[in-house]
Amino acid sequence: MTTGQRAERPVTAFAVAVLAVVSVAACGGDMDIPVATEELQNMSADYVAYGMTTYVTAHGVREAQIEADTAFIFESESTAELRQMTLVFYDEMGNERATVTGVEGDWNQETNRMVARGDVVLFVHTDSSTIESPEIYYEPDIDRIWSDSTTVRTMKDGSVTSGTAFESDMSFENIVIQNMRGGVRRVF
């Protein structure tokens, strides 16, 4: 060995010893700190999914895509509670029909019935109109989307129609605003 090689060996041994001491000290930290919040620890959900994306299909054809920041899944009820949700509906050709966004919602995994709540916006892709309501429901068995709450529809040209509720088929060709108030006005 040369003189330079002997000098490196004590430095390497010293570095390994320091790393071992630091590793042991790090392991001796406070282990009583919970990994999750108390609310999450007490939750009755069977699973919690973060960044969830799933598809709704019928006869092998994609009908919708569901995205949620967080999904709390309850197996016994076949339901999921969604947070910061987006629901995209597709037509038979795979084109986007409409997009629903909401603060939260529920999804029945057996029936695919859904409800979005909290500043809900329905964007209809074919005419670029929006429908805003506190909550919007989707019933796939009868091909219907609706709200029983205050509804505001804004067209692409800025004209606005408001009412106490709305109902539509999923092709968005028959949108009905109930009890229209204030007529049609333009937003500038």
N, C-alpha and C. Protein backbone atom coordinates (compact mmCIF):
# COMPACT_ATOMS: atom_id res chain seq x y z
N MET A 1 0.82 -1.17 0.00
CA MET A 1 0.00 0.00 0.00
C MET A 1 0.86 1.24 0.00
N THR A 2 0.34 2.22 -0.67
CA THR A 2 1.07 3.49 -0.68
C THR A 2 0.58 4.33 0.48
N THR A 3 1.26 5.41 0.72
CA THR A 3 0.92 6.29 1.82
C THR A 3 -0.46 6.91 1.62
N GLY A 4 -0.81 7.23 0.37
CA GLY A 4 -2.12 7.83 0.08
C GLY A 4 -3.26 6.88 0.38
N GLN A 5 -3.09 5.57 0.15
CA GLN A 5 -4.14 4.60 0.40
C GLN A 5 -4.38 4.42 1.89
N ARG A 6 -3.34 4.44 2.72
CA ARG A 6 -3.49 4.31 4.17
C ARG A 6 -4.25 5.49 4.75
N ALA A 7 -4.08 6.65 4.20
CA ALA A 7 -4.73 7.84 4.73
C ALA A 7 -6.24 7.82 4.41
N GLU A 8 -6.62 7.21 3.31
CA GLU A 8 -8.03 7.17 2.95
C GLU A 8 -8.82 6.21 3.83
N ARG A 9 -8.24 5.13 4.28
CA ARG A 9 -8.93 4.11 5.05
C ARG A 9 -9.49 4.67 6.36
N PRO A 10 -8.76 5.42 7.18
CA PRO A 10 -9.34 5.96 8.41
C PRO A 10 -10.49 6.93 8.13
N VAL A 11 -10.40 7.71 7.06
CA VAL A 11 -11.47 8.65 6.73
C VAL A 11 -12.74 7.88 6.37
N THR A 12 -12.61 6.80 5.59
CA THR A 12 -13.76 6.00 5.19
C THR A 12 -14.38 5.33 6.41
N ALA A 13 -13.58 4.78 7.28
CA ALA A 13 -14.08 4.14 8.50
C ALA A 13 -14.80 5.16 9.38
N PHE A 14 -14.27 6.37 9.48
CA PHE A 14 -14.87 7.42 10.29
C PHE A 14 -16.24 7.81 9.70
N ALA A 15 -16.33 7.92 8.36
CA ALA A 15 -17.59 8.29 7.69
C ALA A 15 -18.65 7.23 7.94
N VAL A 16 -18.28 5.96 7.85
CA VAL A 16 -19.23 4.87 8.10
C VAL A 16 -19.71 4.92 9.54
N ALA A 17 -18.84 5.17 10.49
CA ALA A 17 -19.21 5.25 11.90
C ALA A 17 -20.18 6.41 12.15
N VAL A 18 -19.94 7.56 11.52
CA VAL A 18 -20.83 8.72 11.69
C VAL A 18 -22.21 8.40 11.12
N LEU A 19 -22.28 7.78 9.94
CA LEU A 19 -23.55 7.41 9.35
C LEU A 19 -24.32 6.43 10.22
N ALA A 20 -23.63 5.50 10.84
CA ALA A 20 -24.28 4.53 11.72
C ALA A 20 -24.89 5.23 12.93
N VAL A 21 -24.18 6.17 13.52
CA VAL A 21 -24.67 6.90 14.69
C VAL A 21 -25.89 7.75 14.30
N VAL A 22 -25.82 8.42 13.16
CA VAL A 22 -26.94 9.25 12.70
C VAL A 22 -28.16 8.38 12.44
N SER A 23 -27.98 7.20 11.83
CA SER A 23 -29.10 6.30 11.54
C SER A 23 -29.76 5.82 12.82
N VAL A 24 -28.98 5.45 13.82
CA VAL A 24 -29.52 4.99 15.08
C VAL A 24 -30.27 6.12 15.78
N ALA A 25 -29.73 7.32 15.75
CA ALA A 25 -30.37 8.47 16.37
C ALA A 25 -31.70 8.78 15.69
N ALA A 26 -31.76 8.66 14.38
CA ALA A 26 -32.99 8.93 13.64
C ALA A 26 -34.07 7.93 13.98
N CYS A 27 -33.70 6.69 14.23
CA CYS A 27 -34.66 5.66 14.58
C CYS A 27 -35.20 5.84 15.98
N GLY A 28 -34.52 6.56 16.81
CA GLY A 28 -34.94 6.73 18.19
C GLY A 28 -35.91 7.88 18.38
N GLY A 29 -36.52 8.40 17.31
CA GLY A 29 -37.45 9.52 17.39
C GLY A 29 -38.75 9.13 18.06
N ASP A 30 -39.62 10.10 18.26
CA ASP A 30 -40.91 9.91 18.91
C ASP A 30 -41.82 9.06 18.03
N MET A 31 -42.19 7.88 18.46
CA MET A 31 -43.02 6.96 17.68
C MET A 31 -44.50 7.13 17.98
N ASP A 32 -44.89 8.07 18.85
CA ASP A 32 -46.29 8.26 19.20
C ASP A 32 -47.03 9.18 18.24
N ILE A 33 -46.33 9.76 17.29
CA ILE A 33 -46.96 10.66 16.34
C ILE A 33 -47.71 9.83 15.32
N PRO A 34 -49.05 10.05 15.18
CA PRO A 34 -49.82 9.25 14.20
C PRO A 34 -49.45 9.61 12.77
N VAL A 35 -49.59 8.64 11.90
CA VAL A 35 -49.29 8.83 10.49
C VAL A 35 -50.45 9.55 9.80
N ALA A 36 -51.67 9.33 10.26
CA ALA A 36 -52.86 9.94 9.67
C ALA A 36 -53.58 10.79 10.71
N THR A 37 -54.44 11.69 10.24
CA THR A 37 -55.21 12.53 11.16
C THR A 37 -56.20 11.67 11.94
N GLU A 38 -56.71 12.21 13.02
CA GLU A 38 -57.67 11.48 13.84
C GLU A 38 -58.95 11.18 13.04
N GLU A 39 -59.37 12.16 12.22
CA GLU A 39 -60.56 11.96 11.39
C GLU A 39 -60.39 10.77 10.45
N LEU A 40 -59.21 10.65 9.84
CA LEU A 40 -58.95 9.55 8.92
C LEU A 40 -58.86 8.22 9.66
N GLN A 41 -58.27 8.24 10.86
CA GLN A 41 -58.15 7.01 11.65
C GLN A 41 -59.52 6.50 12.11
N ASN A 42 -60.47 7.40 12.35
CA ASN A 42 -61.80 7.01 12.84
C ASN A 42 -62.80 6.76 11.72
N MET A 43 -62.39 6.89 10.48
CA MET A 43 -63.29 6.73 9.35
C MET A 43 -63.74 5.28 9.21
N SER A 44 -65.01 5.13 8.80
CA SER A 44 -65.55 3.78 8.67
C SER A 44 -65.43 3.22 7.25
N ALA A 45 -64.80 3.95 6.34
CA ALA A 45 -64.63 3.47 4.97
C ALA A 45 -63.73 2.25 4.94
N ASP A 46 -64.03 1.33 4.03
CA ASP A 46 -63.20 0.14 3.87
C ASP A 46 -61.88 0.47 3.18
N TYR A 47 -61.93 1.41 2.23
CA TYR A 47 -60.73 1.82 1.50
C TYR A 47 -60.78 3.33 1.29
N VAL A 48 -59.62 3.91 1.19
CA VAL A 48 -59.50 5.31 0.81
C VAL A 48 -58.56 5.35 -0.39
N ALA A 49 -59.04 5.93 -1.49
CA ALA A 49 -58.23 6.03 -2.70
C ALA A 49 -57.92 7.49 -2.96
N TYR A 50 -56.67 7.78 -3.20
CA TYR A 50 -56.24 9.14 -3.53
C TYR A 50 -55.91 9.19 -5.01
N GLY A 51 -56.41 10.22 -5.69
CA GLY A 51 -56.17 10.34 -7.12
C GLY A 51 -56.89 9.25 -7.90
N MET A 52 -58.14 8.98 -7.55
CA MET A 52 -58.90 7.91 -8.17
C MET A 52 -59.36 8.29 -9.59
N THR A 53 -59.23 7.37 -10.51
CA THR A 53 -59.81 7.46 -11.84
C THR A 53 -60.40 6.10 -12.16
N THR A 54 -61.66 6.08 -12.58
CA THR A 54 -62.31 4.82 -12.94
C THR A 54 -63.27 5.09 -14.10
N TYR A 55 -63.66 4.03 -14.78
CA TYR A 55 -64.54 4.15 -15.93
C TYR A 55 -65.84 3.40 -15.69
N VAL A 56 -66.92 3.95 -16.21
CA VAL A 56 -68.23 3.31 -16.17
C VAL A 56 -68.48 2.79 -17.58
N THR A 57 -68.76 1.51 -17.71
CA THR A 57 -69.00 0.91 -19.01
C THR A 57 -70.35 0.20 -19.03
N ALA A 58 -70.91 0.07 -20.20
CA ALA A 58 -72.14 -0.71 -20.41
C ALA A 58 -71.94 -1.51 -21.68
N HIS A 59 -72.02 -2.83 -21.57
CA HIS A 59 -71.84 -3.73 -22.71
C HIS A 59 -70.49 -3.49 -23.39
N GLY A 60 -69.47 -3.21 -22.60
CA GLY A 60 -68.13 -3.03 -23.13
C GLY A 60 -67.84 -1.66 -23.71
N VAL A 61 -68.79 -0.73 -23.63
CA VAL A 61 -68.61 0.62 -24.17
C VAL A 61 -68.47 1.60 -23.02
N ARG A 62 -67.44 2.43 -23.08
CA ARG A 62 -67.22 3.43 -22.03
C ARG A 62 -68.30 4.49 -22.10
N GLU A 63 -69.01 4.68 -20.99
CA GLU A 63 -70.06 5.70 -20.89
C GLU A 63 -69.60 6.93 -20.11
N ALA A 64 -68.70 6.71 -19.15
CA ALA A 64 -68.28 7.83 -18.30
C ALA A 64 -66.92 7.54 -17.69
N GLN A 65 -66.28 8.61 -17.25
CA GLN A 65 -65.02 8.52 -16.51
C GLN A 65 -65.23 9.33 -15.22
N ILE A 66 -64.87 8.72 -14.10
CA ILE A 66 -65.01 9.39 -12.81
C ILE A 66 -63.61 9.63 -12.26
N GLU A 67 -63.35 10.87 -11.87
CA GLU A 67 -62.10 11.21 -11.21
C GLU A 67 -62.42 11.88 -9.89
N ALA A 68 -61.61 11.61 -8.89
CA ALA A 68 -61.79 12.24 -7.59
C ALA A 68 -60.43 12.41 -6.94
N ASP A 69 -60.28 13.52 -6.26
CA ASP A 69 -59.07 13.75 -5.49
C ASP A 69 -58.96 12.66 -4.42
N THR A 70 -60.09 12.37 -3.77
CA THR A 70 -60.15 11.34 -2.74
C THR A 70 -61.47 10.60 -2.86
N ALA A 71 -61.44 9.29 -2.70
CA ALA A 71 -62.66 8.48 -2.72
C ALA A 71 -62.66 7.58 -1.48
N PHE A 72 -63.74 7.65 -0.72
CA PHE A 72 -63.94 6.79 0.45
C PHE A 72 -64.89 5.68 0.02
N ILE A 73 -64.40 4.46 0.01
CA ILE A 73 -65.15 3.34 -0.57
C ILE A 73 -65.71 2.47 0.54
N PHE A 74 -67.03 2.22 0.47
CA PHE A 74 -67.75 1.40 1.44
C PHE A 74 -68.24 0.15 0.73
N GLU A 75 -67.56 -0.97 0.93
CA GLU A 75 -67.87 -2.21 0.20
C GLU A 75 -69.27 -2.74 0.48
N SER A 76 -69.70 -2.73 1.75
CA SER A 76 -71.00 -3.33 2.09
C SER A 76 -72.16 -2.61 1.43
N GLU A 77 -72.01 -1.33 1.15
CA GLU A 77 -73.07 -0.55 0.51
C GLU A 77 -72.80 -0.33 -0.98
N SER A 78 -71.67 -0.79 -1.48
CA SER A 78 -71.26 -0.61 -2.88
C SER A 78 -71.29 0.86 -3.27
N THR A 79 -70.83 1.71 -2.37
CA THR A 79 -70.83 3.15 -2.65
C THR A 79 -69.44 3.73 -2.43
N ALA A 80 -69.27 4.91 -3.01
CA ALA A 80 -68.04 5.67 -2.81
C ALA A 80 -68.42 7.13 -2.59
N GLU A 81 -67.83 7.74 -1.58
CA GLU A 81 -67.98 9.17 -1.36
C GLU A 81 -66.78 9.84 -2.01
N LEU A 82 -67.04 10.77 -2.89
CA LEU A 82 -65.99 11.39 -3.70
C LEU A 82 -65.75 12.83 -3.24
N ARG A 83 -64.50 13.26 -3.27
CA ARG A 83 -64.12 14.64 -2.95
C ARG A 83 -63.40 15.23 -4.16
N GLN A 84 -63.73 16.49 -4.48
CA GLN A 84 -63.16 17.18 -5.65
C GLN A 84 -63.29 16.28 -6.87
N MET A 85 -64.53 16.09 -7.27
CA MET A 85 -64.85 15.11 -8.30
C MET A 85 -65.06 15.73 -9.68
N THR A 86 -64.79 14.94 -10.69
CA THR A 86 -65.06 15.28 -12.08
C THR A 86 -65.65 14.03 -12.73
N LEU A 87 -66.73 14.24 -13.46
CA LEU A 87 -67.40 13.15 -14.14
C LEU A 87 -67.55 13.54 -15.61
N VAL A 88 -67.00 12.74 -16.50
CA VAL A 88 -67.07 13.02 -17.94
C VAL A 88 -67.96 11.95 -18.57
N PHE A 89 -68.99 12.41 -19.31
CA PHE A 89 -69.89 11.50 -20.02
C PHE A 89 -69.47 11.44 -21.49
N TYR A 90 -69.57 10.24 -22.08
CA TYR A 90 -69.20 10.02 -23.49
C TYR A 90 -70.41 9.55 -24.29
N ASP A 91 -70.40 9.87 -25.59
CA ASP A 91 -71.45 9.35 -26.46
C ASP A 91 -71.01 7.99 -27.00
N GLU A 92 -71.84 7.40 -27.86
CA GLU A 92 -71.57 6.06 -28.39
C GLU A 92 -70.28 5.99 -29.21
N MET A 93 -69.85 7.13 -29.76
CA MET A 93 -68.64 7.18 -30.58
C MET A 93 -67.38 7.48 -29.75
N GLY A 94 -67.54 7.68 -28.44
CA GLY A 94 -66.40 7.97 -27.59
C GLY A 94 -66.08 9.45 -27.45
N ASN A 95 -66.95 10.32 -27.98
CA ASN A 95 -66.75 11.76 -27.85
C ASN A 95 -67.30 12.26 -26.52
N GLU A 96 -66.66 13.26 -25.95
CA GLU A 96 -67.13 13.83 -24.69
C GLU A 96 -68.46 14.54 -24.91
N ARG A 97 -69.45 14.17 -24.11
CA ARG A 97 -70.78 14.78 -24.17
C ARG A 97 -70.89 15.94 -23.19
N ALA A 98 -70.51 15.63 -21.96
CA ALA A 98 -70.67 16.62 -20.89
C ALA A 98 -69.67 16.31 -19.79
N THR A 99 -69.33 17.35 -19.02
CA THR A 99 -68.43 17.21 -17.88
C THR A 99 -69.09 17.85 -16.67
N VAL A 100 -69.13 17.10 -15.57
CA VAL A 100 -69.69 17.60 -14.32
C VAL A 100 -68.54 17.71 -13.31
N THR A 101 -68.45 18.86 -12.64
CA THR A 101 -67.46 19.02 -11.57
C THR A 101 -68.21 19.43 -10.30
N GLY A 102 -67.70 18.98 -9.17
CA GLY A 102 -68.31 19.31 -7.89
C GLY A 102 -67.32 19.15 -6.76
N VAL A 103 -67.65 19.74 -5.63
CA VAL A 103 -66.80 19.64 -4.45
C VAL A 103 -66.82 18.22 -3.90
N GLU A 104 -67.99 17.60 -3.92
CA GLU A 104 -68.11 16.22 -3.42
C GLU A 104 -69.26 15.53 -4.13
N GLY A 105 -69.36 14.23 -3.90
CA GLY A 105 -70.45 13.49 -4.51
C GLY A 105 -70.49 12.06 -4.04
N ASP A 106 -71.50 11.35 -4.50
CA ASP A 106 -71.67 9.93 -4.17
C ASP A 106 -71.83 9.15 -5.47
N TRP A 107 -71.31 7.93 -5.46
CA TRP A 107 -71.39 7.05 -6.61
C TRP A 107 -71.78 5.67 -6.12
N ASN A 108 -72.91 5.14 -6.63
CA ASN A 108 -73.32 3.78 -6.33
C ASN A 108 -72.68 2.88 -7.38
N GLN A 109 -71.78 2.02 -6.97
CA GLN A 109 -71.01 1.21 -7.91
C GLN A 109 -71.84 0.10 -8.56
N GLU A 110 -72.95 -0.28 -7.96
CA GLU A 110 -73.80 -1.31 -8.56
C GLU A 110 -74.71 -0.74 -9.63
N THR A 111 -75.31 0.43 -9.36
CA THR A 111 -76.28 1.02 -10.28
C THR A 111 -75.69 2.13 -11.14
N ASN A 112 -74.51 2.63 -10.77
CA ASN A 112 -73.85 3.78 -11.40
C ASN A 112 -74.62 5.08 -11.25
N ARG A 113 -75.57 5.13 -10.34
CA ARG A 113 -76.24 6.39 -10.02
C ARG A 113 -75.23 7.29 -9.32
N MET A 114 -75.31 8.58 -9.63
CA MET A 114 -74.36 9.53 -9.05
C MET A 114 -75.04 10.82 -8.69
N VAL A 115 -74.45 11.50 -7.73
CA VAL A 115 -74.86 12.85 -7.37
C VAL A 115 -73.58 13.65 -7.10
N ALA A 116 -73.57 14.87 -7.62
CA ALA A 116 -72.46 15.80 -7.36
C ALA A 116 -73.03 16.94 -6.54
N ARG A 117 -72.26 17.40 -5.54
CA ARG A 117 -72.72 18.47 -4.66
C ARG A 117 -71.64 19.52 -4.49
N GLY A 118 -72.10 20.74 -4.23
CA GLY A 118 -71.17 21.82 -3.90
C GLY A 118 -70.62 22.52 -5.12
N ASP A 119 -71.18 23.67 -5.47
CA ASP A 119 -70.72 24.46 -6.62
C ASP A 119 -70.60 23.59 -7.87
N VAL A 120 -71.65 22.86 -8.17
CA VAL A 120 -71.62 21.93 -9.30
C VAL A 120 -71.78 22.68 -10.62
N VAL A 121 -70.94 22.33 -11.57
CA VAL A 121 -71.01 22.89 -12.92
C VAL A 121 -71.09 21.74 -13.91
N LEU A 122 -72.10 21.81 -14.77
CA LEU A 122 -72.27 20.85 -15.86
C LEU A 122 -71.93 21.59 -17.15
N PHE A 123 -70.91 21.14 -17.84
CA PHE A 123 -70.51 21.74 -19.12
C PHE A 123 -70.95 20.81 -20.24
N VAL A 124 -71.82 21.33 -21.13
CA VAL A 124 -72.31 20.55 -22.26
C VAL A 124 -71.39 20.83 -23.45
N HIS A 125 -70.68 19.82 -23.92
CA HIS A 125 -69.67 20.01 -24.96
C HIS A 125 -70.26 20.40 -26.32
N THR A 126 -71.45 19.90 -26.65
CA THR A 126 -71.99 20.15 -27.99
C THR A 126 -72.32 21.61 -28.24
N ASP A 127 -72.80 22.33 -27.21
CA ASP A 127 -73.14 23.74 -27.43
C ASP A 127 -72.35 24.70 -26.53
N SER A 128 -71.40 24.18 -25.79
CA SER A 128 -70.54 24.96 -24.88
C SER A 128 -71.34 25.74 -23.85
N SER A 129 -72.50 25.24 -23.46
CA SER A 129 -73.28 25.87 -22.39
C SER A 129 -72.90 25.26 -21.05
N THR A 130 -73.20 26.00 -19.98
CA THR A 130 -72.98 25.49 -18.63
C THR A 130 -74.28 25.55 -17.85
N ILE A 131 -74.43 24.60 -16.95
CA ILE A 131 -75.55 24.59 -16.02
C ILE A 131 -74.93 24.51 -14.64
N GLU A 132 -75.30 25.47 -13.78
CA GLU A 132 -74.77 25.52 -12.42
C GLU A 132 -75.91 25.28 -11.43
N SER A 133 -75.63 24.48 -10.41
CA SER A 133 -76.63 24.15 -9.41
C SER A 133 -75.89 23.64 -8.16
N PRO A 134 -76.52 23.73 -6.99
CA PRO A 134 -75.87 23.20 -5.79
C PRO A 134 -75.65 21.69 -5.83
N GLU A 135 -76.54 20.96 -6.56
CA GLU A 135 -76.35 19.52 -6.73
C GLU A 135 -76.99 19.06 -8.02
N ILE A 136 -76.36 18.06 -8.62
CA ILE A 136 -76.86 17.49 -9.87
C ILE A 136 -76.83 15.97 -9.75
N TYR A 137 -77.93 15.33 -10.20
CA TYR A 137 -78.09 13.89 -10.13
C TYR A 137 -77.99 13.27 -11.52
N TYR A 138 -77.51 12.02 -11.56
CA TYR A 138 -77.43 11.25 -12.80
C TYR A 138 -78.05 9.89 -12.55
N GLU A 139 -79.01 9.50 -13.40
CA GLU A 139 -79.69 8.21 -13.31
C GLU A 139 -79.51 7.48 -14.63
N PRO A 140 -78.55 6.53 -14.73
CA PRO A 140 -78.27 5.87 -16.01
C PRO A 140 -79.40 4.97 -16.52
N ASP A 141 -80.19 4.38 -15.61
CA ASP A 141 -81.25 3.47 -16.04
C ASP A 141 -82.30 4.18 -16.89
N ILE A 142 -82.51 5.48 -16.64
CA ILE A 142 -83.50 6.21 -17.42
C ILE A 142 -82.87 7.30 -18.28
N ASP A 143 -81.52 7.26 -18.40
CA ASP A 143 -80.80 8.19 -19.27
C ASP A 143 -81.17 9.64 -18.96
N ARG A 144 -81.06 10.00 -17.68
CA ARG A 144 -81.53 11.30 -17.21
C ARG A 144 -80.51 11.96 -16.30
N ILE A 145 -80.39 13.29 -16.41
CA ILE A 145 -79.57 14.10 -15.52
C ILE A 145 -80.45 15.28 -15.09
N TRP A 146 -80.42 15.64 -13.80
CA TRP A 146 -81.33 16.67 -13.32
C TRP A 146 -80.86 17.27 -12.00
N SER A 147 -81.55 18.35 -11.61
CA SER A 147 -81.37 18.95 -10.30
C SER A 147 -82.71 19.47 -9.81
N ASP A 148 -82.97 19.32 -8.53
CA ASP A 148 -84.18 19.86 -7.91
C ASP A 148 -83.87 21.17 -7.20
N SER A 149 -82.72 21.74 -7.47
CA SER A 149 -82.27 22.97 -6.81
C SER A 149 -82.17 24.11 -7.82
N THR A 150 -81.95 25.29 -7.30
CA THR A 150 -81.77 26.47 -8.14
C THR A 150 -80.78 26.17 -9.26
N THR A 151 -81.15 26.58 -10.47
CA THR A 151 -80.35 26.26 -11.65
C THR A 151 -80.12 27.52 -12.48
N VAL A 152 -78.90 27.69 -12.96
CA VAL A 152 -78.57 28.78 -13.87
C VAL A 152 -77.88 28.18 -15.08
N ARG A 153 -78.46 28.44 -16.27
CA ARG A 153 -77.86 27.96 -17.52
C ARG A 153 -77.30 29.15 -18.28
N THR A 154 -76.04 29.06 -18.66
CA THR A 154 -75.38 30.12 -19.42
C THR A 154 -74.98 29.56 -20.77
N MET A 155 -75.46 30.21 -21.82
CA MET A 155 -75.15 29.78 -23.18
C MET A 155 -73.81 30.35 -23.62
N LYS A 156 -73.27 29.82 -24.70
CA LYS A 156 -71.97 30.26 -25.22
C LYS A 156 -71.97 31.76 -25.54
N ASP A 157 -73.12 32.30 -26.00
CA ASP A 157 -73.20 33.72 -26.34
C ASP A 157 -73.37 34.63 -25.12
N GLY A 158 -73.43 34.03 -23.92
CA GLY A 158 -73.55 34.82 -22.70
C GLY A 158 -74.96 34.97 -22.18
N SER A 159 -75.98 34.51 -22.92
CA SER A 159 -77.35 34.61 -22.41
C SER A 159 -77.54 33.63 -21.26
N VAL A 160 -78.35 34.08 -20.27
CA VAL A 160 -78.52 33.32 -19.03
C VAL A 160 -80.00 33.04 -18.79
N THR A 161 -80.32 31.81 -18.40
CA THR A 161 -81.65 31.42 -18.00
C THR A 161 -81.55 30.83 -16.61
N SER A 162 -82.42 31.26 -15.70
CA SER A 162 -82.38 30.69 -14.35
C SER A 162 -83.76 30.14 -14.00
N GLY A 163 -83.78 29.20 -13.08
CA GLY A 163 -85.02 28.59 -12.65
C GLY A 163 -84.84 27.83 -11.36
N THR A 164 -85.87 27.09 -10.97
CA THR A 164 -85.84 26.37 -9.69
C THR A 164 -85.31 24.94 -9.82
N ALA A 165 -85.18 24.44 -11.04
CA ALA A 165 -84.70 23.07 -11.26
C ALA A 165 -84.45 22.89 -12.75
N PHE A 166 -83.83 21.75 -13.12
CA PHE A 166 -83.69 21.42 -14.54
C PHE A 166 -83.72 19.91 -14.70
N GLU A 167 -83.97 19.50 -15.94
CA GLU A 167 -83.96 18.09 -16.30
C GLU A 167 -83.52 17.97 -17.74
N SER A 168 -82.78 16.90 -18.06
CA SER A 168 -82.33 16.69 -19.43
C SER A 168 -82.11 15.21 -19.68
N ASP A 169 -82.22 14.85 -20.96
CA ASP A 169 -81.78 13.52 -21.38
C ASP A 169 -80.26 13.61 -21.53
N MET A 170 -79.60 12.49 -21.74
CA MET A 170 -78.14 12.50 -21.80
C MET A 170 -77.59 12.92 -23.16
N SER A 171 -78.45 13.14 -24.14
CA SER A 171 -77.98 13.70 -25.40
C SER A 171 -78.01 15.23 -25.33
N PHE A 172 -78.60 15.77 -24.27
CA PHE A 172 -78.70 17.21 -24.01
C PHE A 172 -79.43 17.94 -25.13
N GLU A 173 -80.38 17.24 -25.74
CA GLU A 173 -81.23 17.86 -26.76
C GLU A 173 -82.53 18.37 -26.15
N ASN A 174 -82.89 17.90 -24.98
CA ASN A 174 -84.14 18.27 -24.31
C ASN A 174 -83.88 18.78 -22.90
N ILE A 175 -83.23 19.92 -22.80
CA ILE A 175 -82.95 20.53 -21.50
C ILE A 175 -84.14 21.41 -21.12
N VAL A 176 -84.72 21.14 -19.97
CA VAL A 176 -85.87 21.90 -19.50
C VAL A 176 -85.51 22.57 -18.18
N ILE A 177 -85.65 23.91 -18.16
CA ILE A 177 -85.45 24.67 -16.92
C ILE A 177 -86.83 24.91 -16.32
N GLN A 178 -87.04 24.49 -15.09
CA GLN A 178 -88.33 24.63 -14.42
C GLN A 178 -88.49 26.03 -13.84
N ASN A 179 -89.70 26.57 -13.90
CA ASN A 179 -90.05 27.85 -13.27
C ASN A 179 -89.04 28.94 -13.57
N MET A 180 -88.85 29.19 -14.83
CA MET A 180 -87.89 30.23 -15.24
C MET A 180 -88.25 31.56 -14.60
N ARG A 181 -87.21 32.23 -14.09
CA ARG A 181 -87.44 33.52 -13.44
C ARG A 181 -86.54 34.55 -14.07
N GLY A 182 -87.06 35.74 -14.19
CA GLY A 182 -86.26 36.85 -14.69
C GLY A 182 -86.01 36.79 -16.18
N GLY A 183 -86.60 35.82 -16.86
CA GLY A 183 -86.42 35.72 -18.31
C GLY A 183 -84.98 35.41 -18.67
N VAL A 184 -84.66 35.74 -19.88
CA VAL A 184 -83.31 35.49 -20.38
C VAL A 184 -82.55 36.81 -20.33
N ARG A 185 -81.35 36.78 -19.78
CA ARG A 185 -80.53 38.00 -19.72
C ARG A 185 -79.15 37.68 -20.24
N ARG A 186 -78.46 38.67 -20.66
CA ARG A 186 -77.11 38.51 -21.20
C ARG A 186 -76.08 38.89 -20.15
N VAL A 187 -75.01 38.16 -20.13
CA VAL A 187 -73.89 38.48 -19.25
C VAL A 187 -72.80 39.10 -20.12
N PHE A 188 -72.31 40.27 -19.72
CA PHE A 188 -71.27 40.96 -20.52
C PHE A 188 -69.94 40.86 -19.84
